[in-house]
Amino acid sequence: MTDVTDVVDVTDADFEAEVIGADLPVLVEFTADWCPPCRQMGPVLKALASEEGDRLKVVQLDVDTNPETTNAYKVLSMPTFMVFRDGEPVKSMVGARAKRRLLEELADVL
């Protein structure tokens, strides 16, 4: 088992391999450099990645540089969080939130 303590950046090019093909459920944050709430979520996602890394993969996708994936999942607001399991989006949440609340909302998909 690899110790993943960091949030991985994914792109249109590797989304299929990193997210759709992942063994674990994947939490994708659709983010943007110009989005203050997205930056706020950085430490929360890092903590989540280090605490739940054995049960959940945490990645982020920059919406400005990856329009294909962003459009494919009809993401309009940042940050949007999507949980993928077995290649399918099973949950979607919009907006920054505290780590505790994020964990509560992820409980049913972990």
C-alpha atoms as a PDB file:
ATOM      1  CA  MET A   1       0.000   0.000   0.000  1.00  0.00           C
ATOM      2  CA  THR A   2       1.352   3.393  -0.894  1.00  0.00           C
ATOM      3  CA  ASP A   3       1.155   6.179   1.633  1.00  0.00           C
ATOM      4  CA  VAL A   4      -0.630   8.945  -0.224  1.00  0.00           C
ATOM      5  CA  THR A   5      -0.558  12.070   1.879  1.00  0.00           C
ATOM      6  CA  ASP A   6      -0.920  14.541  -0.904  1.00  0.00           C
ATOM      7  CA  VAL A   7      -3.704  15.661  -3.132  1.00  0.00           C
ATOM      8  CA  VAL A   8      -2.929  14.560  -6.689  1.00  0.00           C
ATOM      9  CA  ASP A   9      -3.488  16.906  -9.623  1.00  0.00           C
ATOM     10  CA  VAL A  10      -5.350  15.233 -12.468  1.00  0.00           C
ATOM     11  CA  THR A  11      -5.933  16.456 -16.008  1.00  0.00           C
ATOM     12  CA  ASP A  12      -8.194  15.691 -18.962  1.00  0.00           C
ATOM     13  CA  ALA A  13      -5.399  13.426 -20.205  1.00  0.00           C
ATOM     14  CA  ASP A  14      -5.080  11.210 -17.117  1.00  0.00           C
ATOM     15  CA  PHE A  15      -8.574  11.520 -15.573  1.00  0.00           C
ATOM     16  CA  GLU A  16      -9.551   8.145 -17.018  1.00  0.00           C
ATOM     17  CA  ALA A  17      -6.537   6.384 -15.488  1.00  0.00           C
ATOM     18  CA  GLU A  18      -6.411   8.263 -12.168  1.00  0.00           C
ATOM     19  CA  VAL A  19     -10.136   8.510 -11.381  1.00  0.00           C
ATOM     20  CA  ILE A  20     -12.270   6.241 -13.572  1.00  0.00           C
ATOM     21  CA  GLY A  21      -9.823   3.347 -13.256  1.00  0.00           C
ATOM     22  CA  ALA A  22      -9.008   3.801  -9.559  1.00  0.00           C
ATOM     23  CA  ASP A  23      -9.436   0.912  -7.124  1.00  0.00           C
ATOM     24  CA  LEU A  24     -10.568   3.192  -4.295  1.00  0.00           C
ATOM     25  CA  PRO A  25     -13.389   5.717  -4.250  1.00  0.00           C
ATOM     26  CA  VAL A  26     -12.004   9.032  -5.515  1.00  0.00           C
ATOM     27  CA  LEU A  27     -12.915  12.490  -4.269  1.00  0.00           C
ATOM     28  CA  VAL A  28     -12.361  14.974  -7.091  1.00  0.00           C
ATOM     29  CA  GLU A  29     -12.236  18.668  -6.336  1.00  0.00           C
ATOM     30  CA  PHE A  30     -12.986  20.751  -9.405  1.00  0.00           C
ATOM     31  CA  THR A  31     -10.965  23.862  -8.618  1.00  0.00           C
ATOM     32  CA  ALA A  32      -9.527  27.061 -10.068  1.00  0.00           C
ATOM     33  CA  ASP A  33      -6.624  29.357  -9.186  1.00  0.00           C
ATOM     34  CA  TRP A  34      -8.915  32.375  -9.038  1.00  0.00           C
ATOM     35  CA  CYS A  35     -11.323  30.773  -6.552  1.00  0.00           C
ATOM     36  CA  PRO A  36     -10.739  31.781  -2.880  1.00  0.00           C
ATOM     37  CA  PRO A  37     -12.996  29.034  -1.411  1.00  0.00           C
ATOM     38  CA  CYS A  38     -11.010  26.502  -3.463  1.00  0.00           C
ATOM     39  CA  ARG A  39      -7.753  27.699  -1.915  1.00  0.00           C
ATOM     40  CA  GLN A  40      -9.423  27.482   1.498  1.00  0.00           C
ATOM     41  CA  MET A  41     -10.106  23.803   0.852  1.00  0.00           C
ATOM     42  CA  GLY A  42      -6.413  23.012   0.253  1.00  0.00           C
ATOM     43  CA  PRO A  43      -5.490  22.200   3.876  1.00  0.00           C
ATOM     44  CA  VAL A  44      -8.794  20.363   4.403  1.00  0.00           C
ATOM     45  CA  LEU A  45      -8.186  18.104   1.399  1.00  0.00           C
ATOM     46  CA  LYS A  46      -4.561  17.484   2.404  1.00  0.00           C
ATOM     47  CA  ALA A  47      -5.698  16.416   5.869  1.00  0.00           C
ATOM     48  CA  LEU A  48      -8.388  14.223   4.345  1.00  0.00           C
ATOM     49  CA  ALA A  49      -5.867  12.635   1.973  1.00  0.00           C
ATOM     50  CA  SER A  50      -3.480  11.775   4.799  1.00  0.00           C
ATOM     51  CA  GLU A  51      -6.169  10.517   7.195  1.00  0.00           C
ATOM     52  CA  GLU A  52      -8.345   8.596   4.730  1.00  0.00           C
ATOM     53  CA  GLY A  53      -5.698   7.711   2.124  1.00  0.00           C
ATOM     54  CA  ASP A  54      -6.224   3.988   2.574  1.00  0.00           C
ATOM     55  CA  ARG A  55      -9.969   4.298   1.875  1.00  0.00           C
ATOM     56  CA  LEU A  56     -10.188   7.308  -0.386  1.00  0.00           C
ATOM     57  CA  LYS A  57      -8.086   8.887  -3.099  1.00  0.00           C
ATOM     58  CA  VAL A  58      -8.203  12.688  -3.151  1.00  0.00           C
ATOM     59  CA  VAL A  59      -7.464  14.524  -6.397  1.00  0.00           C
ATOM     60  CA  GLN A  60      -8.042  17.955  -7.842  1.00  0.00           C
ATOM     61  CA  LEU A  61      -8.708  19.094 -11.364  1.00  0.00           C
ATOM     62  CA  ASP A  62      -8.144  22.653 -12.568  1.00  0.00           C
ATOM     63  CA  VAL A  63     -11.278  23.623 -14.492  1.00  0.00           C
ATOM     64  CA  ASP A  64      -9.515  26.292 -16.553  1.00  0.00           C
ATOM     65  CA  THR A  65      -6.896  23.962 -17.999  1.00  0.00           C
ATOM     66  CA  ASN A  66      -9.120  20.871 -18.239  1.00  0.00           C
ATOM     67  CA  PRO A  67     -12.350  21.909 -19.971  1.00  0.00           C
ATOM     68  CA  GLU A  68     -13.176  18.448 -21.348  1.00  0.00           C
ATOM     69  CA  THR A  69     -13.636  16.772 -17.977  1.00  0.00           C
ATOM     70  CA  THR A  70     -15.233  19.877 -16.472  1.00  0.00           C
ATOM     71  CA  ASN A  71     -17.842  20.000 -19.247  1.00  0.00           C
ATOM     72  CA  ALA A  72     -18.351  16.246 -19.289  1.00  0.00           C
ATOM     73  CA  TYR A  73     -19.559  16.387 -15.670  1.00  0.00           C
ATOM     74  CA  LYS A  74     -21.363  19.722 -16.132  1.00  0.00           C
ATOM     75  CA  VAL A  75     -19.396  21.462 -13.398  1.00  0.00           C
ATOM     76  CA  LEU A  76     -20.471  25.111 -13.153  1.00  0.00           C
ATOM     77  CA  SER A  77     -19.462  26.230  -9.641  1.00  0.00           C
ATOM     78  CA  MET A  78     -16.144  26.065  -7.840  1.00  0.00           C
ATOM     79  CA  PRO A  79     -15.307  24.219  -5.765  1.00  0.00           C
ATOM     80  CA  THR A  80     -17.399  21.231  -6.791  1.00  0.00           C
ATOM     81  CA  PHE A  81     -16.591  17.915  -5.155  1.00  0.00           C
ATOM     82  CA  MET A  82     -17.488  14.675  -6.848  1.00  0.00           C
ATOM     83  CA  VAL A  83     -17.029  11.200  -5.507  1.00  0.00           C
ATOM     84  CA  PHE A  84     -16.370   8.496  -8.088  1.00  0.00           C
ATOM     85  CA  ARG A  85     -16.729   4.820  -7.272  1.00  0.00           C
ATOM     86  CA  ASP A  86     -16.106   2.097  -9.840  1.00  0.00           C
ATOM     87  CA  GLY A  87     -15.753   4.782 -12.492  1.00  0.00           C
ATOM     88  CA  GLU A  88     -19.137   6.397 -11.808  1.00  0.00           C
ATOM     89  CA  PRO A  89     -19.907   9.677 -10.062  1.00  0.00           C
ATOM     90  CA  VAL A  90     -21.917   8.674  -6.974  1.00  0.00           C
ATOM     91  CA  LYS A  91     -22.060  11.973  -5.110  1.00  0.00           C
ATOM     92  CA  SER A  92     -21.670  15.656  -5.849  1.00  0.00           C
ATOM     93  CA  MET A  93     -21.298  18.611  -3.468  1.00  0.00           C
ATOM     94  CA  VAL A  94     -20.813  22.288  -4.252  1.00  0.00           C
ATOM     95  CA  GLY A  95     -18.992  24.842  -2.115  1.00  0.00           C
ATOM     96  CA  ALA A  96     -16.304  24.936   0.540  1.00  0.00           C
ATOM     97  CA  ARG A  97     -17.022  23.120   3.773  1.00  0.00           C
ATOM     98  CA  ALA A  98     -15.293  22.222   7.029  1.00  0.00           C
ATOM     99  CA  LYS A  99     -13.426  18.921   7.171  1.00  0.00           C
ATOM    100  CA  ARG A 100     -15.861  17.477   9.703  1.00  0.00           C
ATOM    101  CA  ARG A 101     -18.823  18.253   7.470  1.00  0.00           C
ATOM    102  CA  LEU A 102     -17.017  16.885   4.422  1.00  0.00           C
ATOM    103  CA  LEU A 103     -16.290  13.648   6.300  1.00  0.00           C
ATOM    104  CA  GLU A 104     -19.941  13.366   7.354  1.00  0.00           C
ATOM    105  CA  GLU A 105     -21.037  13.819   3.751  1.00  0.00           C
ATOM    106  CA  LEU A 106     -18.534  11.208   2.565  1.00  0.00           C
ATOM    107  CA  ALA A 107     -19.485   8.646   5.206  1.00  0.00           C
ATOM    108  CA  ASP A 108     -22.011   6.883   3.004  1.00  0.00           C
ATOM    109  CA  VAL A 109     -19.600   6.461   0.090  1.00  0.00           C
ATOM    110  CA  LEU A 110     -16.508   5.344   1.983  1.00  0.00           C
END
